[in-house]
Amino acid sequence: MECAAYFKDGQPVQSMREHVLGGLGYIERNYLSRNYGAYLSRLARAAGLGADEALARRALVASYVLHDAGKLLEYFQRRRKDFRGHEFFSAAIVVRCCGLEGLERAAAIAVLLHHHTMQRDVGYRGSNIRMREECAAELERILEEHAGIRAVLPRELSVQEVKRVSEDLLSIKYDDWPLVRVVYAILEPLTLADHYAARLRGGEGTLLGGEAERVERAIASLRLSFSATGLSRP
């Protein structure tokens, strides 16, 4: 069975693979190809996180690959409705699986905030929740291919653990400006790429997805203009 990133009227209209690869392409074209990894690395070092450029790139890519991992839990895939609260599970998966060293916490906070915690609770009342095996394996392959991370995603999560992780991540002190800058440097491309990829989901795109497309066209136009003048491209 296909692992769905979006359902419409109970039917899958966008696969997780399509959603993830579409967004990764956006991040590569508009961020990583413009030395965003080096920028993120500088912010991380200023925050005392000690990340080199390679780790910063991996953290950004892994954050996007896993931002919707919570949608692949059996609970959400079976009910075929909304995925309310999936970001709590996604953040817990980031914490457990990826070995992002000093950037693990910042990446997990960005994933938790990619819907800006519109829901303040995980929304699931059971004790444990399982991830669909074929869906977990799909994300593991994408992580290795695009982030160079050989990870084993958890197949089962304790809801109590997810709540503890979420409470810890949401305890971030917003006057810790160096850490906040790292979080939002991951969150910005993650959110734009998420909405950009969602524009293909059965004709039900988002307002921000349209803005993401316009940003990409503007960047492409600027690059052409700079190329014509012989100056370094933006």
Protein backbone atom coordinates (compact mmCIF):
# COMPACT_ATOMS: atom_id res chain seq x y z
CA MET A 1 0.00 0.00 0.00
CA GLU A 2 1.28 3.46 -0.91
CA CYS A 3 2.45 5.66 1.96
CA ALA A 4 0.32 8.79 1.73
CA ALA A 5 1.27 12.35 2.61
CA TYR A 6 -2.24 13.66 1.93
CA PHE A 7 -5.74 12.23 1.70
CA LYS A 8 -8.74 13.78 -0.01
CA ASP A 9 -12.16 12.27 0.66
CA GLY A 10 -10.45 9.26 2.17
CA GLN A 11 -8.28 8.62 -0.90
CA PRO A 12 -4.49 9.17 -1.14
CA VAL A 13 -3.72 11.97 -3.60
CA GLN A 14 -0.04 12.53 -2.84
CA SER A 15 2.50 9.93 -1.81
CA MET A 16 5.07 10.66 0.86
CA ARG A 17 7.85 9.98 -1.63
CA GLU A 18 6.46 12.57 -4.07
CA HIS A 19 6.04 15.10 -1.27
CA VAL A 20 9.53 14.59 0.15
CA LEU A 21 11.40 14.54 -3.16
CA GLY A 22 9.48 17.55 -4.46
CA GLY A 23 10.44 19.58 -1.41
CA LEU A 24 14.05 18.40 -1.41
CA GLY A 25 14.41 19.64 -4.98
CA TYR A 26 13.15 23.05 -3.87
CA ILE A 27 15.66 23.19 -1.00
CA GLU A 28 18.54 22.16 -3.25
CA ARG A 29 17.73 24.69 -5.97
CA ASN A 30 16.96 27.67 -3.77
CA TYR A 31 19.06 27.12 -0.65
CA LEU A 32 21.85 24.56 -0.77
CA SER A 33 23.01 25.58 -4.25
CA ARG A 34 23.42 29.12 -2.84
CA ASN A 35 25.81 28.10 -0.02
CA TYR A 36 23.05 27.92 2.58
CA GLY A 37 24.90 25.07 4.27
CA ALA A 38 27.83 27.38 4.99
CA TYR A 39 25.46 30.04 6.35
CA LEU A 40 23.72 27.52 8.61
CA SER A 41 27.09 26.24 9.80
CA ARG A 42 28.16 29.78 10.80
CA LEU A 43 24.96 30.25 12.79
CA ALA A 44 25.47 26.88 14.49
CA ARG A 45 29.03 27.73 15.50
CA ALA A 46 27.88 31.09 16.87
CA ALA A 47 25.36 29.18 19.01
CA GLY A 48 28.11 26.91 20.32
CA LEU A 49 26.85 23.89 18.39
CA GLY A 50 30.08 23.35 16.45
CA ALA A 51 28.59 22.12 13.17
CA ASP A 52 30.66 22.10 9.99
CA GLU A 53 29.04 22.75 6.61
CA ALA A 54 28.56 19.06 5.80
CA LEU A 55 26.71 18.45 9.07
CA ALA A 56 24.61 21.59 8.56
CA ARG A 57 23.54 20.38 5.11
CA ARG A 58 22.69 16.93 6.48
CA ALA A 59 20.65 18.47 9.29
CA LEU A 60 18.59 20.58 6.89
CA VAL A 61 17.96 17.69 4.49
CA ALA A 62 17.15 15.25 7.31
CA SER A 63 14.76 17.77 8.86
CA TYR A 64 12.82 17.99 5.63
CA VAL A 65 12.86 14.25 4.91
CA LEU A 66 11.45 13.56 8.39
CA HIS A 67 9.19 16.56 8.94
CA ASP A 68 6.11 14.49 8.05
CA ALA A 69 7.39 11.12 9.30
CA GLY A 70 4.65 11.15 11.93
CA LYS A 71 2.07 10.92 9.15
CA LEU A 72 3.32 7.42 8.38
CA LEU A 73 2.15 5.97 11.67
CA GLU A 74 -0.48 3.25 11.29
CA TYR A 75 -2.98 5.39 13.21
CA PHE A 76 -2.91 8.17 10.59
CA GLN A 77 -2.61 5.96 7.52
CA ARG A 78 -5.60 3.85 8.55
CA ARG A 79 -7.94 6.71 9.44
CA ARG A 80 -7.33 8.45 6.06
CA LYS A 81 -8.34 11.87 7.32
CA ASP A 82 -6.30 14.73 8.71
CA PHE A 83 -2.88 14.28 10.31
CA ARG A 84 -3.50 16.54 13.28
CA GLY A 85 -0.60 16.32 15.74
CA HIS A 86 1.76 14.43 13.42
CA GLU A 87 4.53 17.00 14.00
CA PHE A 88 4.91 15.86 17.62
CA PHE A 89 5.71 12.33 16.45
CA SER A 90 7.97 13.58 13.65
CA ALA A 91 10.07 15.59 16.11
CA ALA A 92 10.46 12.59 18.42
CA ILE A 93 11.64 10.51 15.45
CA VAL A 94 14.29 13.14 14.59
CA VAL A 95 15.57 13.04 18.18
CA ARG A 96 15.85 9.25 18.14
CA CYS A 97 17.26 8.40 14.76
CA CYS A 98 19.65 10.64 12.95
CA GLY A 99 22.90 11.31 14.80
CA LEU A 100 22.92 15.01 13.94
CA GLU A 101 25.24 15.72 16.86
CA GLY A 102 24.96 19.34 18.01
CA LEU A 103 22.20 20.17 15.53
CA GLU A 104 19.82 17.41 16.62
CA ARG A 105 17.86 19.61 19.04
CA ALA A 106 17.58 22.56 16.65
CA ALA A 107 16.44 20.26 13.83
CA ALA A 108 13.82 18.60 16.04
CA ILE A 109 12.47 21.97 17.23
CA ALA A 110 12.16 23.14 13.61
CA VAL A 111 10.24 19.97 12.72
CA LEU A 112 7.96 20.41 15.72
CA LEU A 113 7.27 24.03 14.73
CA HIS A 114 6.67 23.48 11.01
CA HIS A 115 2.96 23.91 11.71
CA HIS A 116 3.82 26.24 14.60
CA THR A 117 2.16 23.73 16.93
CA MET A 118 -1.34 24.62 15.83
CA GLN A 119 -2.34 21.76 18.13
CA ARG A 120 -0.91 21.71 21.64
CA ASP A 121 -1.39 17.99 22.17
CA VAL A 122 -0.37 14.84 20.31
CA GLY A 123 -4.04 14.04 19.69
CA TYR A 124 -3.66 10.28 20.20
CA ARG A 125 -4.97 8.59 23.31
CA GLY A 126 -3.32 5.17 23.12
CA SER A 127 -0.09 4.16 24.86
CA ASN A 128 2.04 3.07 21.89
CA ILE A 129 1.79 3.73 18.20
CA ARG A 130 3.49 1.91 15.33
CA MET A 131 4.96 3.16 12.07
CA ARG A 132 4.05 1.30 8.91
CA GLU A 133 7.07 -0.83 8.00
CA GLU A 134 7.20 -0.10 4.26
CA CYS A 135 6.83 3.62 4.94
CA ALA A 136 9.69 3.69 7.45
CA ALA A 137 11.90 1.81 4.98
CA GLU A 138 11.06 4.34 2.24
CA LEU A 139 12.20 7.27 4.38
CA GLU A 140 15.35 5.40 5.41
CA ARG A 141 16.27 4.99 1.73
CA ILE A 142 15.66 8.67 1.01
CA LEU A 143 17.72 9.70 4.05
CA GLU A 144 20.67 7.63 2.86
CA GLU A 145 20.40 8.75 -0.76
CA HIS A 146 19.97 12.47 -0.10
CA ALA A 147 21.55 13.13 3.31
CA GLY A 148 24.13 10.36 3.53
CA ILE A 149 22.52 9.21 6.78
CA ARG A 150 22.11 5.49 7.41
CA ALA A 151 19.37 5.61 10.02
CA VAL A 152 16.94 3.13 11.47
CA LEU A 153 13.64 4.84 12.18
CA PRO A 154 11.76 3.66 15.26
CA ARG A 155 8.94 1.29 14.34
CA GLU A 156 7.07 1.96 17.57
CA LEU A 157 6.78 5.07 19.69
CA SER A 158 5.60 5.49 23.24
CA VAL A 159 3.08 8.31 23.42
CA GLN A 160 4.44 9.25 26.84
CA GLU A 161 7.93 9.53 25.35
CA VAL A 162 6.61 11.72 22.54
CA LYS A 163 4.96 14.01 25.09
CA ARG A 164 8.17 14.25 27.13
CA VAL A 165 10.25 15.05 24.04
CA SER A 166 7.75 17.68 22.89
CA GLU A 167 7.65 19.38 26.28
CA ASP A 168 11.44 19.50 26.34
CA LEU A 169 11.68 20.94 22.82
CA LEU A 170 8.98 23.53 23.49
CA SER A 171 10.87 24.70 26.57
CA ILE A 172 13.28 26.55 24.25
CA LYS A 173 14.05 29.99 25.64
CA TYR A 174 13.32 32.54 22.95
CA ASP A 175 15.84 34.94 24.45
CA ASP A 176 18.52 32.36 23.53
CA TRP A 177 18.90 34.24 20.27
CA PRO A 178 21.81 32.21 18.80
CA LEU A 179 19.84 28.94 19.11
CA VAL A 180 16.62 30.55 17.87
CA ARG A 181 18.46 31.76 14.76
CA VAL A 182 19.60 28.21 13.99
CA VAL A 183 16.09 26.82 14.52
CA TYR A 184 14.52 29.36 12.19
CA ALA A 185 17.30 28.99 9.61
CA ILE A 186 16.16 25.36 9.34
CA LEU A 187 12.46 26.14 9.69
CA GLU A 188 12.28 28.68 6.85
CA PRO A 189 13.39 26.41 3.98
CA LEU A 190 11.57 23.45 5.56
CA THR A 191 8.25 25.33 5.63
CA LEU A 192 8.56 26.82 2.15
CA ALA A 193 9.55 23.45 0.68
CA ASP A 194 6.66 21.76 2.48
CA HIS A 195 4.12 24.14 0.96
CA TYR A 196 5.82 24.05 -2.45
CA ALA A 197 5.57 20.25 -2.55
CA ALA A 198 1.96 20.38 -1.36
CA ARG A 199 0.92 22.33 -4.47
CA LEU A 200 0.73 19.03 -6.39
CA ARG A 201 -1.68 17.30 -4.03
CA GLY A 202 -4.75 16.82 -6.17
CA GLY A 203 -5.25 20.48 -6.95
CA GLU A 204 -5.35 21.49 -3.29
CA GLY A 205 -2.23 23.56 -2.88
CA THR A 206 -1.71 26.20 -0.23
CA LEU A 207 -1.39 29.98 -0.28
CA LEU A 208 2.21 29.77 0.90
CA GLY A 209 2.90 27.20 -1.82
CA GLY A 210 2.06 29.83 -4.43
CA GLU A 211 4.40 32.27 -2.70
CA ALA A 212 7.16 29.64 -2.70
CA GLU A 213 6.77 29.26 -6.47
CA ARG A 214 6.99 33.02 -6.97
CA VAL A 215 10.15 33.17 -4.84
CA GLU A 216 11.73 30.45 -6.95
CA ARG A 217 10.87 32.25 -10.20
CA ALA A 218 12.33 35.49 -8.82
CA ILE A 219 15.58 33.74 -7.86
CA ALA A 220 15.83 32.16 -11.32
CA SER A 221 15.28 35.56 -12.95
CA LEU A 222 17.97 37.17 -10.79
CA ARG A 223 20.42 34.42 -11.66
CA LEU A 224 19.83 34.97 -15.37
CA SER A 225 20.32 38.72 -14.97
CA PHE A 226 23.55 38.32 -13.01
CA SER A 227 24.80 35.73 -15.49
CA ALA A 228 24.28 38.18 -18.34
CA THR A 229 26.39 40.81 -16.56
CA GLY A 230 29.19 38.40 -15.69
CA LEU A 231 28.75 39.05 -11.97
CA SER A 232 28.52 36.33 -9.33
CA ARG A 233 25.05 34.91 -9.14
CA PRO A 234 22.91 35.45 -6.01
